[in-house]
Amino acid sequence: MDNQDVCRILNISKRTLQTYRNNSTLVYTQISHKIFYEPEDVETVIHKLKSK
């Protein structure tokens, strides 16, 4: 999944997504200049956000 997919699914801005990357809330992989996320990791964040 790329940034756009994750922002849409989590209903967050690109800046919030950057914050999640910075504070290790969301694990990512960078290939060249493109950032990707595993669907399982996004699902984990969804559950964390719901439990708050």
PDB file of N, CA and C in Angstrom:
ATOM      1  N   MET A   1       0.845  -1.166   0.000  1.00  0.00           N
ATOM      2  CA  MET A   1       0.000   0.000   0.000  1.00  0.00           C
ATOM      3  C   MET A   1       0.895   1.237   0.000  1.00  0.00           C
ATOM      4  N   ASP A   2       0.460   2.272  -0.676  1.00  0.00           N
ATOM      5  CA  ASP A   2       1.253   3.489  -0.691  1.00  0.00           C
ATOM      6  C   ASP A   2       0.617   4.547   0.225  1.00  0.00           C
ATOM      7  N   ASN A   3       1.232   5.734   0.270  1.00  0.00           N
ATOM      8  CA  ASN A   3       0.756   6.811   1.141  1.00  0.00           C
ATOM      9  C   ASN A   3      -0.710   7.158   0.900  1.00  0.00           C
ATOM     10  N   GLN A   4      -1.085   7.265  -0.356  1.00  0.00           N
ATOM     11  CA  GLN A   4      -2.446   7.655  -0.695  1.00  0.00           C
ATOM     12  C   GLN A   4      -3.455   6.627  -0.186  1.00  0.00           C
ATOM     13  N   ASP A   5      -3.142   5.359  -0.359  1.00  0.00           N
ATOM     14  CA  ASP A   5      -4.030   4.289   0.115  1.00  0.00           C
ATOM     15  C   ASP A   5      -4.225   4.368   1.628  1.00  0.00           C
ATOM     16  N   VAL A   6      -3.116   4.513   2.328  1.00  0.00           N
ATOM     17  CA  VAL A   6      -3.172   4.518   3.792  1.00  0.00           C
ATOM     18  C   VAL A   6      -3.914   5.755   4.304  1.00  0.00           C
ATOM     19  N   CYS A   7      -3.669   6.901   3.713  1.00  0.00           N
ATOM     20  CA  CYS A   7      -4.372   8.124   4.122  1.00  0.00           C
ATOM     21  C   CYS A   7      -5.879   7.964   3.916  1.00  0.00           C
ATOM     22  N   ARG A   8      -6.266   7.371   2.829  1.00  0.00           N
ATOM     23  CA  ARG A   8      -7.684   7.175   2.539  1.00  0.00           C
ATOM     24  C   ARG A   8      -8.306   6.192   3.525  1.00  0.00           C
ATOM     25  N   ILE A   9      -7.636   5.086   3.773  1.00  0.00           N
ATOM     26  CA  ILE A   9      -8.170   4.051   4.656  1.00  0.00           C
ATOM     27  C   ILE A   9      -8.285   4.562   6.100  1.00  0.00           C
ATOM     28  N   LEU A  10      -7.256   5.267   6.559  1.00  0.00           N
ATOM     29  CA  LEU A  10      -7.263   5.760   7.940  1.00  0.00           C
ATOM     30  C   LEU A  10      -7.970   7.109   8.080  1.00  0.00           C
ATOM     31  N   ASN A  11      -8.291   7.705   6.938  1.00  0.00           N
ATOM     32  CA  ASN A  11      -8.934   9.021   6.932  1.00  0.00           C
ATOM     33  C   ASN A  11      -8.076  10.057   7.667  1.00  0.00           C
ATOM     34  N   ILE A  12      -6.807  10.109   7.273  1.00  0.00           N
ATOM     35  CA  ILE A  12      -5.851  11.036   7.875  1.00  0.00           C
ATOM     36  C   ILE A  12      -5.140  11.820   6.773  1.00  0.00           C
ATOM     37  N   SER A  13      -4.471  12.879   7.177  1.00  0.00           N
ATOM     38  CA  SER A  13      -3.707  13.687   6.225  1.00  0.00           C
ATOM     39  C   SER A  13      -2.316  13.074   6.006  1.00  0.00           C
ATOM     40  N   LYS A  14      -1.648  13.577   4.989  1.00  0.00           N
ATOM     41  CA  LYS A  14      -0.279  13.120   4.723  1.00  0.00           C
ATOM     42  C   LYS A  14       0.646  13.487   5.876  1.00  0.00           C
ATOM     43  N   ARG A  15       0.379  14.623   6.495  1.00  0.00           N
ATOM     44  CA  ARG A  15       1.215  15.059   7.621  1.00  0.00           C
ATOM     45  C   ARG A  15       1.034  14.142   8.827  1.00  0.00           C
ATOM     46  N   THR A  16      -0.176  13.721   9.078  1.00  0.00           N
ATOM     47  CA  THR A  16      -0.419  12.777  10.178  1.00  0.00           C
ATOM     48  C   THR A  16       0.271  11.454   9.890  1.00  0.00           C
ATOM     49  N   LEU A  17       0.213  11.035   8.652  1.00  0.00           N
ATOM     50  CA  LEU A  17       0.894   9.801   8.263  1.00  0.00           C
ATOM     51  C   LEU A  17       2.398   9.939   8.499  1.00  0.00           C
ATOM     52  N   GLN A  18       2.951  11.083   8.186  1.00  0.00           N
ATOM     53  CA  GLN A  18       4.375  11.342   8.448  1.00  0.00           C
ATOM     54  C   GLN A  18       4.673  11.227   9.942  1.00  0.00           C
ATOM     55  N   THR A  19       3.799  11.760  10.761  1.00  0.00           N
ATOM     56  CA  THR A  19       3.974  11.676  12.215  1.00  0.00           C
ATOM     57  C   THR A  19       3.949  10.219  12.667  1.00  0.00           C
ATOM     58  N   TYR A  20       3.047   9.429  12.117  1.00  0.00           N
ATOM     59  CA  TYR A  20       2.984   8.005  12.452  1.00  0.00           C
ATOM     60  C   TYR A  20       4.284   7.297  12.086  1.00  0.00           C
ATOM     61  N   ARG A  21       4.859   7.679  10.968  1.00  0.00           N
ATOM     62  CA  ARG A  21       6.156   7.089  10.587  1.00  0.00           C
ATOM     63  C   ARG A  21       7.246   7.543  11.550  1.00  0.00           C
ATOM     64  N   ASN A  22       7.262   8.824  11.869  1.00  0.00           N
ATOM     65  CA  ASN A  22       8.310   9.371  12.734  1.00  0.00           C
ATOM     66  C   ASN A  22       8.299   8.767  14.131  1.00  0.00           C
ATOM     67  N   ASN A  23       7.118   8.553  14.687  1.00  0.00           N
ATOM     68  CA  ASN A  23       7.061   8.025  16.053  1.00  0.00           C
ATOM     69  C   ASN A  23       6.880   6.502  16.094  1.00  0.00           C
ATOM     70  N   SER A  24       7.102   5.860  14.956  1.00  0.00           N
ATOM     71  CA  SER A  24       7.076   4.392  14.827  1.00  0.00           C
ATOM     72  C   SER A  24       5.709   3.781  15.109  1.00  0.00           C
ATOM     73  N   THR A  25       4.659   4.540  14.931  1.00  0.00           N
ATOM     74  CA  THR A  25       3.316   3.999  15.052  1.00  0.00           C
ATOM     75  C   THR A  25       3.026   3.083  13.879  1.00  0.00           C
ATOM     76  N   LEU A  26       3.567   3.437  12.730  1.00  0.00           N
ATOM     77  CA  LEU A  26       3.318   2.665  11.516  1.00  0.00           C
ATOM     78  C   LEU A  26       4.649   2.299  10.855  1.00  0.00           C
ATOM     79  N   VAL A  27       4.841   1.013  10.658  1.00  0.00           N
ATOM     80  CA  VAL A  27       6.062   0.508  10.024  1.00  0.00           C
ATOM     81  C   VAL A  27       5.947   0.701   8.517  1.00  0.00           C
ATOM     82  N   TYR A  28       7.053   1.044   7.884  1.00  0.00           N
ATOM     83  CA  TYR A  28       7.036   1.268   6.446  1.00  0.00           C
ATOM     84  C   TYR A  28       8.330   0.779   5.812  1.00  0.00           C
ATOM     85  N   THR A  29       8.284   0.663   4.497  1.00  0.00           N
ATOM     86  CA  THR A  29       9.453   0.313   3.701  1.00  0.00           C
ATOM     87  C   THR A  29       9.591   1.363   2.615  1.00  0.00           C
ATOM     88  N   GLN A  30      10.822   1.816   2.409  1.00  0.00           N
ATOM     89  CA  GLN A  30      11.056   2.813   1.372  1.00  0.00           C
ATOM     90  C   GLN A  30      11.876   2.190   0.250  1.00  0.00           C
ATOM     91  N   ILE A  31      11.340   2.298  -0.952  1.00  0.00           N
ATOM     92  CA  ILE A  31      12.039   1.820  -2.146  1.00  0.00           C
ATOM     93  C   ILE A  31      12.195   3.026  -3.051  1.00  0.00           C
ATOM     94  N   SER A  32      13.440   3.384  -3.321  1.00  0.00           N
ATOM     95  CA  SER A  32      13.764   4.649  -3.990  1.00  0.00           C
ATOM     96  C   SER A  32      13.142   5.766  -3.169  1.00  0.00           C
ATOM     97  N   HIS A  33      12.240   6.541  -3.759  1.00  0.00           N
ATOM     98  CA  HIS A  33      11.613   7.634  -3.018  1.00  0.00           C
ATOM     99  C   HIS A  33      10.162   7.340  -2.677  1.00  0.00           C
ATOM    100  N   LYS A  34       9.755   6.113  -2.876  1.00  0.00           N
ATOM    101  CA  LYS A  34       8.359   5.742  -2.636  1.00  0.00           C
ATOM    102  C   LYS A  34       8.260   4.921  -1.350  1.00  0.00           C
ATOM    103  N   ILE A  35       7.237   5.219  -0.556  1.00  0.00           N
ATOM    104  CA  ILE A  35       7.051   4.551   0.722  1.00  0.00           C
ATOM    105  C   ILE A  35       5.865   3.595   0.615  1.00  0.00           C
ATOM    106  N   PHE A  36       6.064   2.409   1.175  1.00  0.00           N
ATOM    107  CA  PHE A  36       5.038   1.370   1.138  1.00  0.00           C
ATOM    108  C   PHE A  36       4.767   0.851   2.544  1.00  0.00           C
ATOM    109  N   TYR A  37       3.545   0.343   2.726  1.00  0.00           N
ATOM    110  CA  TYR A  37       3.107  -0.189   4.012  1.00  0.00           C
ATOM    111  C   TYR A  37       2.494  -1.556   3.793  1.00  0.00           C
ATOM    112  N   GLU A  38       2.703  -2.450   4.737  1.00  0.00           N
ATOM    113  CA  GLU A  38       2.065  -3.761   4.699  1.00  0.00           C
ATOM    114  C   GLU A  38       0.628  -3.609   5.194  1.00  0.00           C
ATOM    115  N   PRO A  39      -0.317  -4.253   4.529  1.00  0.00           N
ATOM    116  CA  PRO A  39      -1.725  -4.170   4.980  1.00  0.00           C
ATOM    117  C   PRO A  39      -1.910  -4.592   6.446  1.00  0.00           C
ATOM    118  N   GLU A  40      -1.140  -5.569   6.883  1.00  0.00           N
ATOM    119  CA  GLU A  40      -1.244  -6.033   8.275  1.00  0.00           C
ATOM    120  C   GLU A  40      -0.857  -4.921   9.259  1.00  0.00           C
ATOM    121  N   ASP A  41       0.154  -4.136   8.897  1.00  0.00           N
ATOM    122  CA  ASP A  41       0.592  -3.046   9.764  1.00  0.00           C
ATOM    123  C   ASP A  41      -0.456  -1.936   9.823  1.00  0.00           C
ATOM    124  N   VAL A  42      -1.098  -1.669   8.712  1.00  0.00           N
ATOM    125  CA  VAL A  42      -2.163  -0.665   8.676  1.00  0.00           C
ATOM    126  C   VAL A  42      -3.335  -1.151   9.532  1.00  0.00           C
ATOM    127  N   GLU A  43      -3.642  -2.420   9.436  1.00  0.00           N
ATOM    128  CA  GLU A  43      -4.719  -3.007  10.244  1.00  0.00           C
ATOM    129  C   GLU A  43      -4.414  -2.872  11.738  1.00  0.00           C
ATOM    130  N   THR A  44      -3.179  -3.063  12.104  1.00  0.00           N
ATOM    131  CA  THR A  44      -2.764  -2.913  13.499  1.00  0.00           C
ATOM    132  C   THR A  44      -2.999  -1.484  13.981  1.00  0.00           C
ATOM    133  N   VAL A  45      -2.679  -0.513  13.155  1.00  0.00           N
ATOM    134  CA  VAL A  45      -2.887   0.889  13.519  1.00  0.00           C
ATOM    135  C   VAL A  45      -4.380   1.178  13.661  1.00  0.00           C
ATOM    136  N   ILE A  46      -5.187   0.618  12.800  1.00  0.00           N
ATOM    137  CA  ILE A  46      -6.638   0.800  12.889  1.00  0.00           C
ATOM    138  C   ILE A  46      -7.133   0.318  14.259  1.00  0.00           C
ATOM    139  N   HIS A  47      -6.667  -0.835  14.695  1.00  0.00           N
ATOM    140  CA  HIS A  47      -7.094  -1.375  15.985  1.00  0.00           C
ATOM    141  C   HIS A  47      -6.580  -0.510  17.141  1.00  0.00           C
ATOM    142  N   LYS A  48      -5.366  -0.001  17.016  1.00  0.00           N
ATOM    143  CA  LYS A  48      -4.834   0.877  18.062  1.00  0.00           C
ATOM    144  C   LYS A  48      -5.665   2.151  18.176  1.00  0.00           C
ATOM    145  N   LEU A  49      -6.038   2.718  17.044  1.00  0.00           N
ATOM    146  CA  LEU A  49      -6.814   3.959  17.046  1.00  0.00           C
ATOM    147  C   LEU A  49      -8.219   3.729  17.611  1.00  0.00           C
ATOM    148  N   LYS A  50      -8.808   2.589  17.308  1.00  0.00           N
ATOM    149  CA  LYS A  50     -10.156   2.292  17.811  1.00  0.00           C
ATOM    150  C   LYS A  50     -10.161   2.084  19.315  1.00  0.00           C
ATOM    151  N   SER A  51      -9.068   1.568  19.844  1.00  0.00           N
ATOM    152  CA  SER A  51      -9.020   1.274  21.278  1.00  0.00           C
ATOM    153  C   SER A  51      -8.778   2.519  22.135  1.00  0.00           C
ATOM    154  N   LYS A  52      -8.442   3.625  21.508  1.00  0.00           N
ATOM    155  CA  LYS A  52      -8.195   4.872  22.263  1.00  0.00           C
ATOM    156  C   LYS A  52      -9.474   5.574  22.595  1.00  0.00           C
TER     157      LYS A  52
END
